[in-house]
């Protein structure tokens, strides 16, 4: 099952990026052309689909739980913010959820 991890859209008219943080968190862009709602519970859009750039993200619930566990483990062993981020990146890598070409250390 997929879990919404970010409920977000960008307005093609004004360029605003708006997001809904929780259920019934209805937000509109500054020009009023689009709106988002639903937080991590559901995705709702208002406005013309032609005015919306969809930026929401979902993730398999199992892999999301593994990623959250990685962050908790890094925090428990005293890692700083960078150490926590690196632990999460390794978890995503191990779940084959990263484009590894973006993380190569070899010059091309």
C-alpha atoms as a PDB file:
ATOM      1  CA  UNK A   1       0.000   0.000   0.000  1.00  0.00           C
ATOM      2  CA  UNK A   2       1.219   3.512  -0.811  1.00  0.00           C
ATOM      3  CA  UNK A   3       1.462   6.263   1.791  1.00  0.00           C
ATOM      4  CA  UNK A   4       1.293   9.928   0.861  1.00  0.00           C
ATOM      5  CA  UNK A   5       4.500  11.563   2.060  1.00  0.00           C
ATOM      6  CA  UNK A   6       3.964  15.007   0.484  1.00  0.00           C
ATOM      7  CA  UNK A   7       0.737  16.576  -0.811  1.00  0.00           C
ATOM      8  CA  UNK A   8       1.983  19.416  -2.988  1.00  0.00           C
ATOM      9  CA  UNK A   9       1.271  21.209  -6.261  1.00  0.00           C
ATOM     10  CA  UNK A  10       2.656  24.147  -8.198  1.00  0.00           C
ATOM     11  CA  UNK A  11       0.529  26.744  -9.956  1.00  0.00           C
ATOM     12  CA  UNK A  12       1.474  27.311 -13.592  1.00  0.00           C
ATOM     13  CA  UNK A  13      -0.020  30.827 -13.457  1.00  0.00           C
ATOM     14  CA  UNK A  14       1.742  32.363 -10.439  1.00  0.00           C
ATOM     15  CA  UNK A  15       4.472  29.762  -9.787  1.00  0.00           C
ATOM     16  CA  UNK A  16       3.518  29.233  -6.131  1.00  0.00           C
ATOM     17  CA  UNK A  17       4.235  25.839  -4.629  1.00  0.00           C
ATOM     18  CA  UNK A  18       1.552  25.000  -2.099  1.00  0.00           C
ATOM     19  CA  UNK A  19       1.196  22.000   0.187  1.00  0.00           C
ATOM     20  CA  UNK A  20      -1.349  20.558   2.555  1.00  0.00           C
ATOM     21  CA  UNK A  21       0.095  19.399   5.862  1.00  0.00           C
ATOM     22  CA  UNK A  22      -2.889  17.614   7.404  1.00  0.00           C
ATOM     23  CA  UNK A  23      -6.462  16.480   6.754  1.00  0.00           C
ATOM     24  CA  UNK A  24      -8.690  19.419   5.745  1.00  0.00           C
ATOM     25  CA  UNK A  25      -5.656  21.721   5.427  1.00  0.00           C
ATOM     26  CA  UNK A  26      -7.077  23.527   2.376  1.00  0.00           C
ATOM     27  CA  UNK A  27      -4.569  25.959   0.840  1.00  0.00           C
ATOM     28  CA  UNK A  28      -4.683  28.098  -2.293  1.00  0.00           C
ATOM     29  CA  UNK A  29      -1.952  29.755  -4.323  1.00  0.00           C
ATOM     30  CA  UNK A  30      -1.594  33.551  -4.255  1.00  0.00           C
ATOM     31  CA  UNK A  31      -3.504  34.047  -7.527  1.00  0.00           C
ATOM     32  CA  UNK A  32      -6.309  31.672  -6.448  1.00  0.00           C
ATOM     33  CA  UNK A  33      -6.097  29.470  -9.550  1.00  0.00           C
ATOM     34  CA  UNK A  34      -5.408  26.214  -7.682  1.00  0.00           C
ATOM     35  CA  UNK A  35      -5.868  24.712  -4.243  1.00  0.00           C
ATOM     36  CA  UNK A  36      -4.666  21.601  -2.419  1.00  0.00           C
ATOM     37  CA  UNK A  37      -6.242  19.681   0.451  1.00  0.00           C
ATOM     38  CA  UNK A  38      -5.943  16.437   2.388  1.00  0.00           C
ATOM     39  CA  UNK A  39      -2.482  16.374   3.940  1.00  0.00           C
ATOM     40  CA  UNK A  40      -1.197  12.826   4.123  1.00  0.00           C
ATOM     41  CA  UNK A  41      -4.743  11.383   4.270  1.00  0.00           C
ATOM     42  CA  UNK A  42      -5.965  12.127   0.717  1.00  0.00           C
ATOM     43  CA  UNK A  43      -5.069  14.258  -2.304  1.00  0.00           C
ATOM     44  CA  UNK A  44      -7.640  16.784  -3.464  1.00  0.00           C
ATOM     45  CA  UNK A  45      -7.107  19.472  -6.113  1.00  0.00           C
ATOM     46  CA  UNK A  46      -9.272  22.430  -7.049  1.00  0.00           C
ATOM     47  CA  UNK A  47      -8.780  24.436 -10.207  1.00  0.00           C
ATOM     48  CA  UNK A  48      -8.114  23.581 -13.815  1.00  0.00           C
ATOM     49  CA  UNK A  49      -5.819  20.577 -14.300  1.00  0.00           C
ATOM     50  CA  UNK A  50      -4.101  22.676 -16.992  1.00  0.00           C
ATOM     51  CA  UNK A  51      -2.931  25.079 -14.249  1.00  0.00           C
ATOM     52  CA  UNK A  52      -1.465  22.383 -11.957  1.00  0.00           C
ATOM     53  CA  UNK A  53       2.011  20.874 -11.847  1.00  0.00           C
ATOM     54  CA  UNK A  54       1.629  17.859  -9.566  1.00  0.00           C
ATOM     55  CA  UNK A  55       4.456  17.576  -7.017  1.00  0.00           C
ATOM     56  CA  UNK A  56       2.981  15.094  -4.534  1.00  0.00           C
ATOM     57  CA  UNK A  57       4.970  12.035  -3.512  1.00  0.00           C
ATOM     58  CA  UNK A  58       3.872   8.621  -2.297  1.00  0.00           C
ATOM     59  CA  UNK A  59       5.925   5.724  -1.031  1.00  0.00           C
ATOM     60  CA  UNK A  60       5.282   2.076  -0.338  1.00  0.00           C
ATOM     61  CA  UNK A  61       4.329   1.831   3.346  1.00  0.00           C
ATOM     62  CA  UNK A  62       6.840  -0.948   4.015  1.00  0.00           C
ATOM     63  CA  UNK A  63       9.788   1.035   2.640  1.00  0.00           C
ATOM     64  CA  UNK A  64       8.608   4.178   4.403  1.00  0.00           C
ATOM     65  CA  UNK A  65       8.668   2.265   7.704  1.00  0.00           C
ATOM     66  CA  UNK A  66      12.213   1.048   6.952  1.00  0.00           C
ATOM     67  CA  UNK A  67      13.294   4.619   6.261  1.00  0.00           C
ATOM     68  CA  UNK A  68      11.730   5.911   9.486  1.00  0.00           C
ATOM     69  CA  UNK A  69      13.461   3.092  11.388  1.00  0.00           C
ATOM     70  CA  UNK A  70      16.804   4.091   9.843  1.00  0.00           C
ATOM     71  CA  UNK A  71      16.339   7.664  11.070  1.00  0.00           C
ATOM     72  CA  UNK A  72      15.430   6.436  14.569  1.00  0.00           C
ATOM     73  CA  UNK A  73      18.464   4.148  14.704  1.00  0.00           C
ATOM     74  CA  UNK A  74      20.806   6.948  13.670  1.00  0.00           C
ATOM     75  CA  UNK A  75      19.307   9.243  16.316  1.00  0.00           C
ATOM     76  CA  UNK A  76      19.586   6.534  19.003  1.00  0.00           C
ATOM     77  CA  UNK A  77      23.308   6.060  18.365  1.00  0.00           C
ATOM     78  CA  UNK A  78      23.908   9.802  18.610  1.00  0.00           C
ATOM     79  CA  UNK A  79      24.370  10.752  14.972  1.00  0.00           C
ATOM     80  CA  UNK A  80      24.164  14.434  14.103  1.00  0.00           C
ATOM     81  CA  UNK A  81      21.753  15.758  11.459  1.00  0.00           C
ATOM     82  CA  UNK A  82      24.051  14.789   8.593  1.00  0.00           C
ATOM     83  CA  UNK A  83      24.501  11.283  10.024  1.00  0.00           C
ATOM     84  CA  UNK A  84      20.718  10.865  10.198  1.00  0.00           C
ATOM     85  CA  UNK A  85      20.309  12.021   6.588  1.00  0.00           C
ATOM     86  CA  UNK A  86      23.048   9.652   5.427  1.00  0.00           C
ATOM     87  CA  UNK A  87      21.374   6.763   7.260  1.00  0.00           C
ATOM     88  CA  UNK A  88      18.101   7.547   5.499  1.00  0.00           C
ATOM     89  CA  UNK A  89      19.856   7.740   2.124  1.00  0.00           C
ATOM     90  CA  UNK A  90      21.461   4.333   2.741  1.00  0.00           C
ATOM     91  CA  UNK A  91      18.044   2.905   3.635  1.00  0.00           C
ATOM     92  CA  UNK A  92      16.559   4.252   0.401  1.00  0.00           C
ATOM     93  CA  UNK A  93      19.534   2.869  -1.546  1.00  0.00           C
ATOM     94  CA  UNK A  94      19.144  -0.561   0.043  1.00  0.00           C
ATOM     95  CA  UNK A  95      15.455  -0.546  -0.960  1.00  0.00           C
ATOM     96  CA  UNK A  96      16.404   0.343  -4.557  1.00  0.00           C
ATOM     97  CA  UNK A  97      14.503   3.622  -4.308  1.00  0.00           C
ATOM     98  CA  UNK A  98      17.333   5.936  -5.397  1.00  0.00           C
ATOM     99  CA  UNK A  99      18.735   6.821  -8.773  1.00  0.00           C
ATOM    100  CA  UNK A 100      22.296   5.817  -7.904  1.00  0.00           C
ATOM    101  CA  UNK A 101      23.663   7.788 -10.870  1.00  0.00           C
ATOM    102  CA  UNK A 102      22.909  10.930  -8.859  1.00  0.00           C
ATOM    103  CA  UNK A 103      25.173   9.719  -6.046  1.00  0.00           C
ATOM    104  CA  UNK A 104      28.235   8.559  -7.956  1.00  0.00           C
ATOM    105  CA  UNK A 105      31.630   9.901  -6.957  1.00  0.00           C
ATOM    106  CA  UNK A 106      33.163   9.235 -10.336  1.00  0.00           C
ATOM    107  CA  UNK A 107      33.697  12.044 -12.849  1.00  0.00           C
ATOM    108  CA  UNK A 108      32.258  11.354 -16.256  1.00  0.00           C
END
